[in-house]
Amino acid sequence: MRTVDGRVAGRRGQATRQKLLDCLSEMLSSSPYRDVKVIDVARRAGTSPATFYQYFPDVEGAVLEVAEQMAAEGTGLTELLGGRTWAGRSGWQTSQELVDGFLEFWRRNDAILRVIDLGAAEGDKRFHKIRMKILNSVNTSLAGSIAELQSKGRVDKDVNPAAVAGALVAMLAAVAGHQKGPSPWGVKAAELKPALALLVHLGVTGRKPSK
């Protein structure tokens, strides 16, 4: 772990750096990204702006670091599909647990994911890369599951596994990003989960689930 000027940060310096990142994450939960100032982050962490600048060039640089840490955690979403089966009732369970895990990850990291989505939408390649790193962890696994079923003759040969997986992941991300507040369609949050699980199961297997 190095400071902005290239010096190696000691244990105390690393702890200070992480505290700054933790405080920034907390502030993003209650303040718009562009309203967060270095002096406010430093004050919340009990240190000075000068100390902040030892570790980060600016707020955006620190936000990117928070995003990278979250993305590393996001790669663990592959565990929701690793070694799972899509056959029979087990397939329905796999679909439900994928939806539950995906939505929970989004809820837990809602603040930084909103910033990532904003940066990616504005064309910032750094944020786009981080967003794709998170989504690809699920997309690749889903595409692999569809391709495996296809090789066994259980999915139509004309289906494009990567395209279907990409559509399903995009759907999950879109819904996950709108979990706060009442739905304009009169659909309760608890009703969304089984609907999403059904769509995921249909997309992967081409069949209604056995419940």
C-alpha atoms as a PDB file:
ATOM      1  CA  MET A   1       0.000   0.000   0.000  1.00  0.00           C
ATOM      2  CA  ARG A   2       1.555   3.280  -1.141  1.00  0.00           C
ATOM      3  CA  THR A   3       0.763   6.941  -0.617  1.00  0.00           C
ATOM      4  CA  VAL A   4       0.149   9.354  -3.489  1.00  0.00           C
ATOM      5  CA  ASP A   5       3.847  10.312  -3.564  1.00  0.00           C
ATOM      6  CA  GLY A   6       4.948   6.663  -3.723  1.00  0.00           C
ATOM      7  CA  ARG A   7       5.934   6.056  -0.106  1.00  0.00           C
ATOM      8  CA  VAL A   8       5.011   2.720   1.467  1.00  0.00           C
ATOM      9  CA  ALA A   9       2.253   3.192   4.043  1.00  0.00           C
ATOM     10  CA  GLY A  10       2.818   1.545   7.406  1.00  0.00           C
ATOM     11  CA  ARG A  11       0.200  -0.245   9.469  1.00  0.00           C
ATOM     12  CA  ARG A  12      -1.048   2.987  11.015  1.00  0.00           C
ATOM     13  CA  GLY A  13      -1.158   4.696   7.637  1.00  0.00           C
ATOM     14  CA  GLN A  14      -3.129   1.807   6.145  1.00  0.00           C
ATOM     15  CA  ALA A  15      -5.615   2.012   9.016  1.00  0.00           C
ATOM     16  CA  THR A  16      -6.045   5.755   8.454  1.00  0.00           C
ATOM     17  CA  ARG A  17      -6.517   5.211   4.729  1.00  0.00           C
ATOM     18  CA  GLN A  18      -9.202   2.580   5.311  1.00  0.00           C
ATOM     19  CA  LYS A  19     -10.962   4.799   7.848  1.00  0.00           C
ATOM     20  CA  LEU A  20     -11.141   7.558   5.244  1.00  0.00           C
ATOM     21  CA  LEU A  21     -12.678   5.105   2.780  1.00  0.00           C
ATOM     22  CA  ASP A  22     -15.183   3.869   5.368  1.00  0.00           C
ATOM     23  CA  CYS A  23     -16.229   7.422   6.212  1.00  0.00           C
ATOM     24  CA  LEU A  24     -16.582   8.247   2.527  1.00  0.00           C
ATOM     25  CA  SER A  25     -18.812   5.193   2.042  1.00  0.00           C
ATOM     26  CA  GLU A  26     -21.020   6.329   4.926  1.00  0.00           C
ATOM     27  CA  MET A  27     -21.297   9.830   3.484  1.00  0.00           C
ATOM     28  CA  LEU A  28     -22.292   8.527   0.063  1.00  0.00           C
ATOM     29  CA  SER A  29     -25.278   6.849   1.719  1.00  0.00           C
ATOM     30  CA  SER A  30     -26.746  10.218   2.699  1.00  0.00           C
ATOM     31  CA  SER A  31     -25.187  12.787   0.360  1.00  0.00           C
ATOM     32  CA  PRO A  32     -25.029  13.154  -3.444  1.00  0.00           C
ATOM     33  CA  TYR A  33     -21.637  12.088  -4.770  1.00  0.00           C
ATOM     34  CA  ARG A  34     -20.692  15.540  -6.062  1.00  0.00           C
ATOM     35  CA  ASP A  35     -21.599  17.220  -2.766  1.00  0.00           C
ATOM     36  CA  VAL A  36     -18.992  15.253  -0.831  1.00  0.00           C
ATOM     37  CA  LYS A  37     -15.898  17.358  -0.092  1.00  0.00           C
ATOM     38  CA  VAL A  38     -12.425  16.336   1.041  1.00  0.00           C
ATOM     39  CA  ILE A  39     -12.647  18.475   4.166  1.00  0.00           C
ATOM     40  CA  ASP A  40     -15.915  16.775   5.186  1.00  0.00           C
ATOM     41  CA  VAL A  41     -14.498  13.273   4.737  1.00  0.00           C
ATOM     42  CA  ALA A  42     -11.354  14.198   6.678  1.00  0.00           C
ATOM     43  CA  ARG A  43     -13.347  15.787   9.495  1.00  0.00           C
ATOM     44  CA  ARG A  44     -15.587  12.729   9.774  1.00  0.00           C
ATOM     45  CA  ALA A  45     -12.512  10.491   9.963  1.00  0.00           C
ATOM     46  CA  GLY A  46     -10.983  12.699  12.653  1.00  0.00           C
ATOM     47  CA  THR A  47      -8.050  13.798  10.525  1.00  0.00           C
ATOM     48  CA  SER A  48      -7.071  16.625   8.154  1.00  0.00           C
ATOM     49  CA  PRO A  49      -7.430  17.298   4.414  1.00  0.00           C
ATOM     50  CA  ALA A  50      -3.638  17.115   4.183  1.00  0.00           C
ATOM     51  CA  THR A  51      -3.782  13.537   5.444  1.00  0.00           C
ATOM     52  CA  PHE A  52      -6.525  12.699   2.933  1.00  0.00           C
ATOM     53  CA  TYR A  53      -4.333  13.961   0.087  1.00  0.00           C
ATOM     54  CA  GLN A  54      -1.508  11.693   1.242  1.00  0.00           C
ATOM     55  CA  TYR A  55      -3.595   8.713   0.155  1.00  0.00           C
ATOM     56  CA  PHE A  56      -5.936   9.975  -2.565  1.00  0.00           C
ATOM     57  CA  PRO A  57      -5.607  12.644  -5.275  1.00  0.00           C
ATOM     58  CA  ASP A  58      -9.230  13.768  -4.782  1.00  0.00           C
ATOM     59  CA  VAL A  59     -12.681  12.527  -3.759  1.00  0.00           C
ATOM     60  CA  GLU A  60     -13.177  10.781  -7.097  1.00  0.00           C
ATOM     61  CA  GLY A  61      -9.947   8.830  -6.615  1.00  0.00           C
ATOM     62  CA  ALA A  62     -11.165   7.658  -3.206  1.00  0.00           C
ATOM     63  CA  VAL A  63     -14.592   6.767  -4.637  1.00  0.00           C
ATOM     64  CA  LEU A  64     -12.923   4.624  -7.268  1.00  0.00           C
ATOM     65  CA  GLU A  65     -11.008   2.818  -4.517  1.00  0.00           C
ATOM     66  CA  VAL A  66     -14.256   2.131  -2.626  1.00  0.00           C
ATOM     67  CA  ALA A  67     -15.773   0.894  -5.882  1.00  0.00           C
ATOM     68  CA  GLU A  68     -12.844  -1.440  -6.553  1.00  0.00           C
ATOM     69  CA  GLN A  69     -13.132  -2.948  -3.075  1.00  0.00           C
ATOM     70  CA  MET A  70     -16.855  -3.493  -3.577  1.00  0.00           C
ATOM     71  CA  ALA A  71     -16.280  -5.006  -7.024  1.00  0.00           C
ATOM     72  CA  ALA A  72     -13.846  -7.506  -5.525  1.00  0.00           C
ATOM     73  CA  GLU A  73     -16.616  -8.554  -3.146  1.00  0.00           C
ATOM     74  CA  GLY A  74     -19.031  -8.697  -6.068  1.00  0.00           C
ATOM     75  CA  THR A  75     -17.047 -11.403  -7.807  1.00  0.00           C
ATOM     76  CA  GLY A  76     -18.257 -13.645  -4.988  1.00  0.00           C
ATOM     77  CA  LEU A  77     -21.675 -13.631  -6.655  1.00  0.00           C
ATOM     78  CA  THR A  78     -20.374 -16.514  -8.770  1.00  0.00           C
ATOM     79  CA  GLU A  79     -20.763 -18.676  -5.656  1.00  0.00           C
ATOM     80  CA  LEU A  80     -24.534 -18.364  -6.073  1.00  0.00           C
ATOM     81  CA  LEU A  81     -24.233 -20.509  -9.200  1.00  0.00           C
ATOM     82  CA  GLY A  82     -21.110 -22.588  -8.641  1.00  0.00           C
ATOM     83  CA  GLY A  83     -21.864 -26.301  -8.666  1.00  0.00           C
ATOM     84  CA  ARG A  84     -25.628 -25.698  -8.731  1.00  0.00           C
ATOM     85  CA  THR A  85     -28.133 -27.636 -10.804  1.00  0.00           C
ATOM     86  CA  TRP A  86     -31.044 -26.323 -12.856  1.00  0.00           C
ATOM     87  CA  ALA A  87     -32.878 -29.658 -12.939  1.00  0.00           C
ATOM     88  CA  GLY A  88     -36.292 -30.156 -11.322  1.00  0.00           C
ATOM     89  CA  ARG A  89     -37.105 -28.463  -8.032  1.00  0.00           C
ATOM     90  CA  SER A  90     -33.422 -27.803  -7.417  1.00  0.00           C
ATOM     91  CA  GLY A  91     -33.444 -25.543 -10.466  1.00  0.00           C
ATOM     92  CA  TRP A  92     -36.182 -23.413  -8.935  1.00  0.00           C
ATOM     93  CA  GLN A  93     -34.177 -23.150  -5.724  1.00  0.00           C
ATOM     94  CA  THR A  94     -31.081 -22.137  -7.691  1.00  0.00           C
ATOM     95  CA  SER A  95     -33.064 -19.406  -9.424  1.00  0.00           C
ATOM     96  CA  GLN A  96     -34.540 -18.102  -6.162  1.00  0.00           C
ATOM     97  CA  GLU A  97     -31.193 -18.013  -4.370  1.00  0.00           C
ATOM     98  CA  LEU A  98     -29.544 -16.209  -7.279  1.00  0.00           C
ATOM     99  CA  VAL A  99     -32.218 -13.507  -7.180  1.00  0.00           C
ATOM    100  CA  ASP A 100     -32.037 -13.221  -3.380  1.00  0.00           C
ATOM    101  CA  GLY A 101     -28.246 -12.976  -3.382  1.00  0.00           C
ATOM    102  CA  PHE A 102     -28.145 -10.474  -6.246  1.00  0.00           C
ATOM    103  CA  LEU A 103     -30.738  -8.152  -4.707  1.00  0.00           C
ATOM    104  CA  GLU A 104     -29.113  -8.357  -1.284  1.00  0.00           C
ATOM    105  CA  PHE A 105     -25.711  -7.463  -2.729  1.00  0.00           C
ATOM    106  CA  TRP A 106     -27.268  -4.431  -4.436  1.00  0.00           C
ATOM    107  CA  ARG A 107     -29.045  -3.325  -1.239  1.00  0.00           C
ATOM    108  CA  ARG A 108     -25.878  -3.667   0.807  1.00  0.00           C
ATOM    109  CA  ASN A 109     -23.842  -1.599  -1.655  1.00  0.00           C
ATOM    110  CA  ASP A 110     -26.577   0.695  -2.941  1.00  0.00           C
ATOM    111  CA  ALA A 111     -24.734   3.986  -2.339  1.00  0.00           C
ATOM    112  CA  ILE A 112     -21.527   3.163  -4.214  1.00  0.00           C
ATOM    113  CA  LEU A 113     -23.384   1.283  -6.961  1.00  0.00           C
ATOM    114  CA  ARG A 114     -25.433   4.424  -7.662  1.00  0.00           C
ATOM    115  CA  VAL A 115     -22.185   6.353  -8.116  1.00  0.00           C
ATOM    116  CA  ILE A 116     -20.782   3.632 -10.381  1.00  0.00           C
ATOM    117  CA  ASP A 117     -23.936   3.651 -12.511  1.00  0.00           C
ATOM    118  CA  LEU A 118     -23.785   7.445 -12.774  1.00  0.00           C
ATOM    119  CA  GLY A 119     -20.138   7.436 -13.819  1.00  0.00           C
ATOM    120  CA  ALA A 120     -20.672   4.636 -16.326  1.00  0.00           C
ATOM    121  CA  ALA A 121     -23.737   6.383 -17.790  1.00  0.00           C
ATOM    122  CA  GLU A 122     -21.668   9.537 -18.258  1.00  0.00           C
ATOM    123  CA  GLY A 123     -19.087   7.592 -20.236  1.00  0.00           C
ATOM    124  CA  ASP A 124     -16.362   7.275 -17.608  1.00  0.00           C
ATOM    125  CA  LYS A 125     -14.525   4.108 -18.669  1.00  0.00           C
ATOM    126  CA  ARG A 126     -13.145   3.526 -15.168  1.00  0.00           C
ATOM    127  CA  PHE A 127     -16.615   3.225 -13.664  1.00  0.00           C
ATOM    128  CA  HIS A 128     -17.857   1.230 -16.650  1.00  0.00           C
ATOM    129  CA  LYS A 129     -15.030  -1.269 -16.183  1.00  0.00           C
ATOM    130  CA  ILE A 130     -15.886  -1.727 -12.504  1.00  0.00           C
ATOM    131  CA  ARG A 131     -19.591  -2.165 -13.286  1.00  0.00           C
ATOM    132  CA  MET A 132     -18.850  -4.823 -15.888  1.00  0.00           C
ATOM    133  CA  LYS A 133     -16.508  -6.618 -13.497  1.00  0.00           C
ATOM    134  CA  ILE A 134     -19.423  -7.047 -11.082  1.00  0.00           C
ATOM    135  CA  LEU A 135     -21.992  -8.052 -13.691  1.00  0.00           C
ATOM    136  CA  ASN A 136     -19.634 -10.372 -15.554  1.00  0.00           C
ATOM    137  CA  SER A 137     -19.211 -12.501 -12.446  1.00  0.00           C
ATOM    138  CA  VAL A 138     -22.861 -13.536 -12.803  1.00  0.00           C
ATOM    139  CA  ASN A 139     -23.117 -13.267 -16.585  1.00  0.00           C
ATOM    140  CA  THR A 140     -20.292 -15.714 -17.244  1.00  0.00           C
ATOM    141  CA  SER A 141     -21.695 -18.289 -14.827  1.00  0.00           C
ATOM    142  CA  LEU A 142     -25.210 -18.013 -16.248  1.00  0.00           C
ATOM    143  CA  ALA A 143     -23.959 -18.312 -19.819  1.00  0.00           C
ATOM    144  CA  GLY A 144     -22.002 -21.409 -18.800  1.00  0.00           C
ATOM    145  CA  SER A 145     -25.107 -22.977 -17.237  1.00  0.00           C
ATOM    146  CA  ILE A 146     -27.174 -22.348 -20.374  1.00  0.00           C
ATOM    147  CA  ALA A 147     -24.436 -23.697 -22.637  1.00  0.00           C
ATOM    148  CA  GLU A 148     -24.182 -26.846 -20.515  1.00  0.00           C
ATOM    149  CA  LEU A 149     -27.931 -27.457 -20.717  1.00  0.00           C
ATOM    150  CA  GLN A 150     -27.744 -26.807 -24.451  1.00  0.00           C
ATOM    151  CA  SER A 151     -25.011 -29.412 -24.875  1.00  0.00           C
ATOM    152  CA  LYS A 152     -27.286 -31.947 -23.187  1.00  0.00           C
ATOM    153  CA  GLY A 153     -30.149 -31.140 -25.540  1.00  0.00           C
ATOM    154  CA  ARG A 154     -32.236 -29.521 -22.817  1.00  0.00           C
ATOM    155  CA  VAL A 155     -32.078 -26.022 -24.331  1.00  0.00           C
ATOM    156  CA  ASP A 156     -32.816 -25.160 -27.961  1.00  0.00           C
ATOM    157  CA  LYS A 157     -29.677 -25.197 -30.107  1.00  0.00           C
ATOM    158  CA  ASP A 158     -30.535 -21.795 -31.603  1.00  0.00           C
ATOM    159  CA  VAL A 159     -30.345 -20.069 -28.219  1.00  0.00           C
ATOM    160  CA  ASN A 160     -27.318 -17.806 -27.729  1.00  0.00           C
ATOM    161  CA  PRO A 161     -26.175 -18.477 -24.125  1.00  0.00           C
ATOM    162  CA  ALA A 162     -24.188 -15.230 -23.806  1.00  0.00           C
ATOM    163  CA  ALA A 163     -27.065 -13.112 -25.132  1.00  0.00           C
ATOM    164  CA  VAL A 164     -29.653 -14.689 -22.833  1.00  0.00           C
ATOM    165  CA  ALA A 165     -27.346 -14.423 -19.822  1.00  0.00           C
ATOM    166  CA  GLY A 166     -26.624 -10.787 -20.638  1.00  0.00           C
ATOM    167  CA  ALA A 167     -30.338  -9.988 -20.875  1.00  0.00           C
ATOM    168  CA  LEU A 168     -31.057 -11.700 -17.544  1.00  0.00           C
ATOM    169  CA  VAL A 169     -28.226  -9.926 -15.741  1.00  0.00           C
ATOM    170  CA  ALA A 170     -29.271  -6.557 -17.178  1.00  0.00           C
ATOM    171  CA  MET A 171     -32.798  -7.227 -15.910  1.00  0.00           C
ATOM    172  CA  LEU A 172     -31.563  -8.136 -12.436  1.00  0.00           C
ATOM    173  CA  ALA A 173     -29.350  -5.045 -12.249  1.00  0.00           C
ATOM    174  CA  ALA A 174     -32.160  -2.750 -13.400  1.00  0.00           C
ATOM    175  CA  VAL A 175     -34.628  -4.084 -10.827  1.00  0.00           C
ATOM    176  CA  ALA A 176     -31.996  -4.206  -8.085  1.00  0.00           C
ATOM    177  CA  GLY A 177     -31.257  -0.530  -8.629  1.00  0.00           C
ATOM    178  CA  HIS A 178     -34.892   0.409  -7.986  1.00  0.00           C
ATOM    179  CA  GLN A 179     -35.606  -1.396  -4.723  1.00  0.00           C
ATOM    180  CA  LYS A 180     -36.175   1.774  -2.709  1.00  0.00           C
ATOM    181  CA  GLY A 181     -39.555   3.431  -2.554  1.00  0.00           C
ATOM    182  CA  PRO A 182     -42.988   2.231  -3.668  1.00  0.00           C
ATOM    183  CA  SER A 183     -43.344   0.755  -7.130  1.00  0.00           C
ATOM    184  CA  PRO A 184     -45.304   2.913  -9.585  1.00  0.00           C
ATOM    185  CA  TRP A 185     -46.972  -0.285 -10.851  1.00  0.00           C
ATOM    186  CA  GLY A 186     -48.436  -1.189  -7.488  1.00  0.00           C
ATOM    187  CA  VAL A 187     -46.159  -4.214  -7.107  1.00  0.00           C
ATOM    188  CA  LYS A 188     -44.788  -4.939  -3.647  1.00  0.00           C
ATOM    189  CA  ALA A 189     -41.083  -5.661  -3.216  1.00  0.00           C
ATOM    190  CA  ALA A 190     -41.895  -9.134  -1.870  1.00  0.00           C
ATOM    191  CA  GLU A 191     -43.763  -9.910  -5.079  1.00  0.00           C
ATOM    192  CA  LEU A 192     -40.825  -8.980  -7.289  1.00  0.00           C
ATOM    193  CA  LYS A 193     -38.553 -11.765  -6.085  1.00  0.00           C
ATOM    194  CA  PRO A 194     -40.641 -14.742  -7.259  1.00  0.00           C
ATOM    195  CA  ALA A 195     -41.366 -12.928 -10.529  1.00  0.00           C
ATOM    196  CA  LEU A 196     -37.662 -12.389 -11.135  1.00  0.00           C
ATOM    197  CA  ALA A 197     -36.856 -15.967 -10.147  1.00  0.00           C
ATOM    198  CA  LEU A 198     -39.464 -17.223 -12.620  1.00  0.00           C
ATOM    199  CA  LEU A 199     -38.011 -15.130 -15.448  1.00  0.00           C
ATOM    200  CA  VAL A 200     -34.467 -16.263 -14.653  1.00  0.00           C
ATOM    201  CA  HIS A 201     -35.535 -19.920 -14.603  1.00  0.00           C
ATOM    202  CA  LEU A 202     -37.400 -19.561 -17.887  1.00  0.00           C
ATOM    203  CA  GLY A 203     -34.437 -17.780 -19.440  1.00  0.00           C
ATOM    204  CA  VAL A 204     -31.900 -20.401 -18.388  1.00  0.00           C
ATOM    205  CA  THR A 205     -33.914 -23.596 -18.927  1.00  0.00           C
ATOM    206  CA  GLY A 206     -36.659 -22.543 -21.328  1.00  0.00           C
ATOM    207  CA  ARG A 207     -39.135 -24.245 -18.976  1.00  0.00           C
ATOM    208  CA  LYS A 208     -41.441 -23.356 -16.135  1.00  0.00           C
ATOM    209  CA  PRO A 209     -39.961 -24.387 -12.780  1.00  0.00           C
ATOM    210  CA  SER A 210     -41.032 -27.459 -10.859  1.00  0.00           C
ATOM    211  CA  LYS A 211     -42.107 -26.148  -7.452  1.00  0.00           C
END
